N, C-alpha and C. Protein backbone atom coordinates (compact mmCIF):
# COMPACT_ATOMS: atom_id res chain seq x y z
N MET A 1 116.83 90.83 132.24
CA MET A 1 115.70 91.34 131.48
C MET A 1 115.53 91.11 130.17
N ALA A 2 114.25 91.08 129.58
CA ALA A 2 114.18 90.42 128.31
C ALA A 2 114.58 91.66 127.37
N ARG A 3 115.14 91.42 125.99
CA ARG A 3 115.20 92.60 125.10
C ARG A 3 113.95 92.67 124.29
N ALA A 4 113.48 94.01 123.96
CA ALA A 4 112.49 94.42 123.22
C ALA A 4 112.45 93.53 121.76
N LYS A 5 111.62 92.74 121.16
CA LYS A 5 111.63 92.20 119.92
C LYS A 5 111.23 93.29 119.00
N ILE A 6 112.22 93.53 117.72
CA ILE A 6 111.55 94.70 116.73
C ILE A 6 111.43 93.74 115.53
N LEU A 7 110.42 93.78 114.77
CA LEU A 7 110.22 93.29 113.72
C LEU A 7 110.70 94.10 112.40
N ILE A 8 111.52 93.55 111.59
CA ILE A 8 112.27 94.40 110.63
C ILE A 8 111.41 93.76 109.13
N VAL A 9 110.76 94.43 108.48
CA VAL A 9 109.99 93.98 107.15
C VAL A 9 110.45 94.91 106.13
N ASP A 10 111.48 94.33 105.33
CA ASP A 10 112.24 94.87 104.22
C ASP A 10 112.65 93.78 103.13
N ASP A 11 112.55 93.88 102.04
CA ASP A 11 112.78 93.07 100.82
C ASP A 11 114.27 92.93 100.54
N GLU A 12 114.85 94.15 100.93
CA GLU A 12 116.32 93.92 100.77
C GLU A 12 117.06 93.06 101.58
N MET A 13 117.85 92.30 101.41
CA MET A 13 118.78 91.53 102.37
C MET A 13 119.84 92.23 102.87
N ASP A 14 120.47 93.40 102.16
CA ASP A 14 121.52 94.03 102.86
C ASP A 14 120.79 94.97 103.97
N MET A 15 119.39 95.60 103.91
CA MET A 15 119.09 96.47 104.99
C MET A 15 118.51 95.46 106.06
N ARG A 16 118.18 94.42 105.69
CA ARG A 16 117.51 93.54 107.01
C ARG A 16 118.93 93.17 107.79
N ILE A 17 120.01 93.14 106.92
CA ILE A 17 121.29 92.51 107.74
C ILE A 17 121.51 93.87 108.45
N TYR A 18 121.82 95.11 107.87
CA TYR A 18 122.14 96.29 108.26
C TYR A 18 121.36 96.67 109.60
N LEU A 19 120.04 96.69 109.57
CA LEU A 19 119.10 96.94 110.66
C LEU A 19 119.03 96.13 111.79
N SER A 20 119.18 94.75 111.49
CA SER A 20 119.14 93.79 112.53
C SER A 20 120.70 93.94 113.17
N ALA A 21 121.94 94.37 112.72
CA ALA A 21 122.90 94.50 113.60
C ALA A 21 123.19 95.81 114.36
N LEU A 22 122.29 96.77 113.67
CA LEU A 22 122.07 97.98 114.42
C LEU A 22 121.32 97.86 115.57
N LEU A 23 120.21 97.40 115.38
CA LEU A 23 119.19 96.93 116.64
C LEU A 23 119.89 96.09 117.70
N ALA A 24 120.58 95.12 117.14
CA ALA A 24 121.16 94.07 118.18
C ALA A 24 122.31 94.68 118.84
N THR A 25 123.08 95.52 118.29
CA THR A 25 124.36 96.27 119.15
C THR A 25 123.49 97.41 120.09
N SER A 26 122.27 97.81 119.93
CA SER A 26 121.74 98.84 120.65
C SER A 26 120.75 98.11 121.65
N GLY A 27 120.94 96.68 121.94
CA GLY A 27 120.16 96.06 123.05
C GLY A 27 118.88 95.77 122.47
N TYR A 28 118.52 95.37 121.46
CA TYR A 28 117.05 95.10 120.95
C TYR A 28 117.18 93.75 120.33
N GLU A 29 116.20 92.95 120.26
CA GLU A 29 116.19 91.59 119.50
C GLU A 29 115.32 91.60 118.18
N PRO A 30 116.33 91.83 117.20
CA PRO A 30 115.50 91.95 115.83
C PRO A 30 115.24 90.50 115.25
N VAL A 31 113.95 90.78 114.50
CA VAL A 31 113.40 89.43 113.80
C VAL A 31 113.21 90.14 112.55
N ALA A 32 113.98 89.67 111.55
CA ALA A 32 113.77 90.29 110.08
C ALA A 32 113.14 89.14 109.02
N VAL A 33 111.87 89.83 108.19
CA VAL A 33 111.47 89.15 107.16
C VAL A 33 111.50 89.65 106.21
N ARG A 34 111.13 89.25 104.69
CA ARG A 34 111.54 90.08 103.41
C ARG A 34 110.35 90.41 102.88
N ASN A 35 108.79 90.13 103.32
CA ASN A 35 107.59 90.77 102.68
C ASN A 35 106.52 90.95 103.38
N GLY A 36 105.48 91.44 103.00
CA GLY A 36 104.44 91.96 103.95
C GLY A 36 103.70 90.92 104.42
N ALA A 37 103.39 89.58 103.74
CA ALA A 37 102.67 88.45 104.09
C ALA A 37 103.53 87.98 105.01
N GLU A 38 104.80 87.62 105.24
CA GLU A 38 105.48 87.13 106.55
C GLU A 38 105.45 87.77 107.34
N GLY A 39 105.72 89.31 107.26
CA GLY A 39 105.62 90.29 108.33
C GLY A 39 104.38 90.02 109.20
N LEU A 40 103.36 89.89 108.61
CA LEU A 40 101.92 89.96 109.22
C LEU A 40 101.99 88.50 110.21
N ARG A 41 102.45 87.53 109.55
CA ARG A 41 102.52 86.01 110.27
C ARG A 41 103.53 86.24 111.40
N ARG A 42 104.67 87.00 111.19
CA ARG A 42 105.55 87.01 112.33
C ARG A 42 105.34 87.99 113.30
N ALA A 43 104.42 88.94 113.04
CA ALA A 43 103.93 89.76 113.94
C ALA A 43 102.83 89.24 114.64
N ALA A 44 101.92 88.48 114.18
CA ALA A 44 100.87 87.83 114.99
C ALA A 44 101.67 86.47 115.90
N GLU A 45 102.87 86.20 115.48
CA GLU A 45 103.55 85.13 116.10
C GLU A 45 104.25 85.72 117.21
N ILE A 46 105.11 86.53 117.30
CA ILE A 46 106.11 87.22 118.23
C ILE A 46 105.41 88.41 118.97
N ARG A 47 104.27 89.21 118.40
CA ARG A 47 103.91 90.20 119.17
C ARG A 47 105.05 91.27 119.40
N PRO A 48 105.70 91.71 118.27
CA PRO A 48 106.79 92.70 118.62
C PRO A 48 106.44 93.65 119.32
N ALA A 49 107.36 94.56 120.05
CA ALA A 49 107.30 95.64 120.66
C ALA A 49 107.41 96.86 119.73
N LEU A 50 107.55 96.55 118.36
CA LEU A 50 107.89 97.77 117.31
C LEU A 50 107.96 97.10 115.90
N ILE A 51 107.41 97.45 115.14
CA ILE A 51 107.82 97.23 113.49
C ILE A 51 108.58 98.36 112.84
N ILE A 52 109.47 98.10 112.11
CA ILE A 52 110.13 98.83 111.03
C ILE A 52 109.88 98.24 109.65
N LEU A 53 109.18 99.01 108.89
CA LEU A 53 108.52 98.49 107.80
C LEU A 53 108.97 99.34 106.48
N ASP A 54 109.45 98.71 105.60
CA ASP A 54 109.77 99.47 104.08
C ASP A 54 108.50 99.42 103.39
N VAL A 55 108.35 100.68 102.68
CA VAL A 55 107.21 100.76 101.88
C VAL A 55 106.98 100.01 100.58
N MET A 56 108.27 99.94 99.93
CA MET A 56 108.29 99.52 98.51
C MET A 56 108.83 97.96 98.65
N MET A 57 107.97 97.24 98.24
CA MET A 57 108.12 95.59 98.40
C MET A 57 107.40 94.88 97.50
N PRO A 58 107.76 93.93 96.71
CA PRO A 58 107.05 93.20 95.69
C PRO A 58 105.78 92.54 96.60
N GLY A 59 104.71 92.41 95.54
CA GLY A 59 103.51 91.66 95.94
C GLY A 59 102.64 93.07 96.78
N GLU A 60 102.05 92.20 97.81
CA GLU A 60 101.54 93.28 98.50
C GLU A 60 102.53 94.17 99.49
N GLY A 61 102.67 95.41 99.15
CA GLY A 61 104.05 96.34 99.41
C GLY A 61 103.65 96.66 101.30
N GLY A 62 104.61 97.42 101.49
CA GLY A 62 104.31 97.91 102.83
C GLY A 62 103.28 98.82 103.20
N ALA A 63 102.68 99.64 102.20
CA ALA A 63 101.78 100.52 102.60
C ALA A 63 100.42 99.65 102.96
N GLN A 64 100.20 98.60 102.42
CA GLN A 64 99.09 97.40 102.32
C GLN A 64 99.34 96.73 103.62
N MET A 65 100.60 96.38 103.86
CA MET A 65 100.60 95.86 105.25
C MET A 65 100.42 96.90 106.38
N TYR A 66 100.92 98.16 106.32
CA TYR A 66 100.96 99.07 107.47
C TYR A 66 99.26 99.40 107.29
N ARG A 67 98.49 99.18 106.33
CA ARG A 67 97.03 99.27 106.28
C ARG A 67 96.33 98.25 107.34
N ARG A 68 96.82 97.16 107.23
CA ARG A 68 96.27 95.98 107.89
C ARG A 68 96.91 96.14 109.54
N LEU A 69 98.01 96.30 109.81
CA LEU A 69 98.47 97.00 111.12
C LEU A 69 97.65 97.74 111.79
N ARG A 70 96.92 98.62 111.03
CA ARG A 70 96.18 99.79 111.86
C ARG A 70 94.68 99.62 111.57
N THR A 71 94.37 98.40 111.00
CA THR A 71 92.97 98.18 111.01
C THR A 71 92.30 96.72 111.53
N GLU A 72 93.36 95.64 111.83
CA GLU A 72 93.17 94.25 112.28
C GLU A 72 93.50 94.34 113.99
N ALA A 73 93.08 93.87 114.46
CA ALA A 73 93.49 93.08 115.99
C ALA A 73 94.31 91.90 115.68
N PRO A 74 95.55 91.59 115.93
CA PRO A 74 96.02 91.89 117.48
C PRO A 74 97.09 93.29 117.09
N PHE A 75 97.07 94.00 115.96
CA PHE A 75 98.33 94.71 115.65
C PHE A 75 98.30 96.23 115.74
N LEU A 76 96.63 96.82 116.21
CA LEU A 76 96.39 97.75 116.55
C LEU A 76 97.33 98.87 117.25
N GLU A 77 97.92 98.25 118.32
CA GLU A 77 98.73 98.97 119.26
C GLU A 77 100.21 98.79 119.01
N ILE A 78 100.82 98.03 118.05
CA ILE A 78 102.19 98.12 117.81
C ILE A 78 102.40 99.24 117.09
N PRO A 79 103.59 100.14 117.74
CA PRO A 79 104.00 101.14 116.91
C PRO A 79 104.86 100.82 115.73
N VAL A 80 104.79 101.72 114.51
CA VAL A 80 105.36 101.19 113.29
C VAL A 80 106.22 102.61 113.00
N ILE A 81 107.36 102.13 112.44
CA ILE A 81 108.52 103.06 111.99
C ILE A 81 108.44 102.75 110.32
N MET A 82 108.06 103.57 109.50
CA MET A 82 108.07 103.32 107.99
C MET A 82 109.34 103.69 107.50
N LEU A 83 110.14 103.04 106.69
CA LEU A 83 111.46 103.33 106.18
C LEU A 83 111.42 103.01 104.86
N SER A 84 111.69 104.14 104.03
CA SER A 84 111.71 103.97 102.40
C SER A 84 112.41 105.06 101.89
N ALA A 85 112.68 104.97 100.39
CA ALA A 85 113.19 106.06 99.67
C ALA A 85 112.18 106.78 99.00
N VAL A 86 110.93 106.34 99.45
CA VAL A 86 109.69 107.08 98.62
C VAL A 86 109.41 108.28 99.88
N PRO A 87 109.04 109.32 99.35
CA PRO A 87 109.06 110.57 100.26
C PRO A 87 107.68 110.30 101.03
N GLY A 88 107.93 110.77 102.27
CA GLY A 88 106.61 110.81 103.15
C GLY A 88 105.44 111.27 102.64
N ALA A 89 105.21 112.56 102.01
CA ALA A 89 104.27 113.15 101.37
C ALA A 89 103.58 112.24 100.24
N THR A 90 104.44 111.33 99.70
CA THR A 90 103.90 110.16 98.78
C THR A 90 103.26 109.14 99.27
N PHE A 91 103.97 108.84 100.37
CA PHE A 91 103.28 107.61 101.15
C PHE A 91 101.90 108.00 101.76
N ASP A 92 101.71 109.34 102.18
CA ASP A 92 100.63 109.67 103.01
C ASP A 92 99.48 110.04 102.00
N HIS A 93 99.84 110.24 100.59
CA HIS A 93 98.99 110.45 99.44
C HIS A 93 98.34 109.02 99.46
N TYR A 94 99.39 108.05 99.31
CA TYR A 94 98.92 106.75 98.95
C TYR A 94 98.09 106.22 100.00
N LEU A 95 98.42 106.40 101.32
CA LEU A 95 97.37 106.01 102.33
C LEU A 95 96.00 106.77 102.22
N ARG A 96 95.78 107.89 101.79
CA ARG A 96 94.54 108.42 101.55
C ARG A 96 94.03 107.92 100.30
N MET A 97 94.41 107.33 99.25
CA MET A 97 93.89 106.96 98.17
C MET A 97 93.51 105.22 98.50
N LEU A 98 94.15 104.39 99.34
CA LEU A 98 93.62 103.25 99.78
C LEU A 98 92.35 103.46 100.62
N ASP A 99 92.44 104.63 101.29
CA ASP A 99 91.13 104.99 102.23
C ASP A 99 90.01 105.13 101.61
N ALA A 100 90.02 105.84 100.12
CA ALA A 100 89.14 106.52 99.58
C ALA A 100 87.84 105.48 99.62
N GLY A 101 86.64 106.04 99.60
CA GLY A 101 85.51 105.21 99.73
C GLY A 101 85.27 104.06 100.84
N THR A 102 86.14 104.01 101.80
CA THR A 102 85.87 103.16 102.99
C THR A 102 85.47 103.67 103.81
N GLY A 103 85.51 105.00 104.16
CA GLY A 103 84.94 105.60 105.23
C GLY A 103 85.71 105.70 106.41
N LYS A 104 86.98 105.15 106.38
CA LYS A 104 87.96 105.22 107.41
C LYS A 104 89.21 105.72 107.12
N THR A 105 89.71 106.56 107.96
CA THR A 105 91.00 107.12 107.81
C THR A 105 91.91 106.37 108.65
N ILE A 106 93.20 105.94 107.91
CA ILE A 106 94.36 105.37 108.44
C ILE A 106 95.13 106.22 109.27
N ALA A 107 95.67 106.19 110.52
CA ALA A 107 96.48 107.09 111.17
C ALA A 107 97.97 106.86 110.44
N ALA A 108 98.44 108.23 110.74
CA ALA A 108 99.79 108.04 110.21
C ALA A 108 100.80 107.18 111.06
N PRO A 109 101.77 106.83 110.70
CA PRO A 109 102.69 105.90 111.58
C PRO A 109 103.52 106.75 112.41
N GLU A 110 103.86 106.17 113.55
CA GLU A 110 104.72 107.08 114.59
C GLU A 110 105.79 107.64 114.05
N ALA A 111 106.58 107.12 112.98
CA ALA A 111 107.55 107.56 112.57
C ALA A 111 107.83 107.41 110.88
N TYR A 112 108.34 108.57 110.23
CA TYR A 112 108.61 108.11 108.89
C TYR A 112 110.06 108.52 108.56
N LEU A 113 110.91 107.51 108.25
CA LEU A 113 112.15 107.92 108.13
C LEU A 113 112.59 107.46 106.32
N GLU A 114 113.24 108.61 105.78
CA GLU A 114 113.48 108.35 104.26
C GLU A 114 115.10 107.90 104.24
N LYS A 115 115.28 106.70 103.32
CA LYS A 115 116.45 106.49 103.09
C LYS A 115 117.07 107.37 101.95
N PRO A 116 118.63 107.63 102.08
CA PRO A 116 119.45 106.64 102.95
C PRO A 116 119.30 107.00 104.39
N LEU A 117 119.38 105.98 105.27
CA LEU A 117 119.03 105.96 106.62
C LEU A 117 120.06 106.72 107.42
N ASP A 118 119.50 107.47 108.51
CA ASP A 118 120.49 108.15 109.43
C ASP A 118 120.24 107.22 110.44
N HIS A 119 121.13 106.34 110.92
CA HIS A 119 121.07 105.49 112.13
C HIS A 119 120.92 106.05 113.40
N GLU A 120 121.46 106.93 113.60
CA GLU A 120 121.31 107.52 115.02
C GLU A 120 119.81 108.14 115.00
N ALA A 121 119.30 108.62 114.01
CA ALA A 121 117.90 109.16 114.07
C ALA A 121 117.14 107.93 114.43
N LEU A 122 117.09 106.84 113.72
CA LEU A 122 116.37 105.73 113.91
C LEU A 122 116.36 105.06 115.24
N ILE A 123 117.61 104.80 115.84
CA ILE A 123 117.95 104.47 117.34
C ILE A 123 117.15 105.39 118.45
N GLY A 124 117.43 106.68 117.96
CA GLY A 124 116.54 107.72 118.80
C GLY A 124 115.15 107.51 118.96
N ILE A 125 114.60 107.49 117.44
CA ILE A 125 113.05 107.05 117.55
C ILE A 125 112.76 105.78 118.21
N VAL A 126 113.63 104.73 117.93
CA VAL A 126 113.03 103.42 118.62
C VAL A 126 113.19 103.39 120.02
N LYS A 127 114.15 104.36 120.84
CA LYS A 127 114.25 104.41 122.31
C LYS A 127 112.99 105.22 122.52
N GLU A 128 112.78 106.48 121.97
CA GLU A 128 111.51 107.07 122.40
C GLU A 128 110.33 106.33 122.30
N LEU A 129 110.10 105.58 121.15
CA LEU A 129 108.83 104.81 120.99
C LEU A 129 108.56 103.53 122.14
N LEU A 130 109.84 103.21 122.67
CA LEU A 130 109.79 101.99 123.61
C LEU A 130 109.97 102.62 124.99
N ALA A 131 110.16 103.78 125.00
CA ALA A 131 110.46 104.25 126.67
C ALA A 131 109.24 103.98 127.63
């Protein structure tokens, strides 16, 4: 049986290594990248079952990548877990500001977890989203 591919997008190498190890030992196939541009490219290539996305990254950060995931095919149906030190309310406000004047509202991610990460909560959400 094929393991579900989970795309990890985080600019911090330590977090990519940690999440990759956590997901691999939980039975998933992690694919880790370090920025949003690479994340979008890899998402189009591998069609992951789920994306774990950091908010704060250099260049086009996680919020911009998330917006593209929710507005462009073939990404629309991929569940996204946002992971960040930024409070969830701040992220929600930022999304509303990105949406201002576009006439479109971007849906909230399937889950939003704040760092420091509760690994049991993350794995529980992953299992629930992929069930």
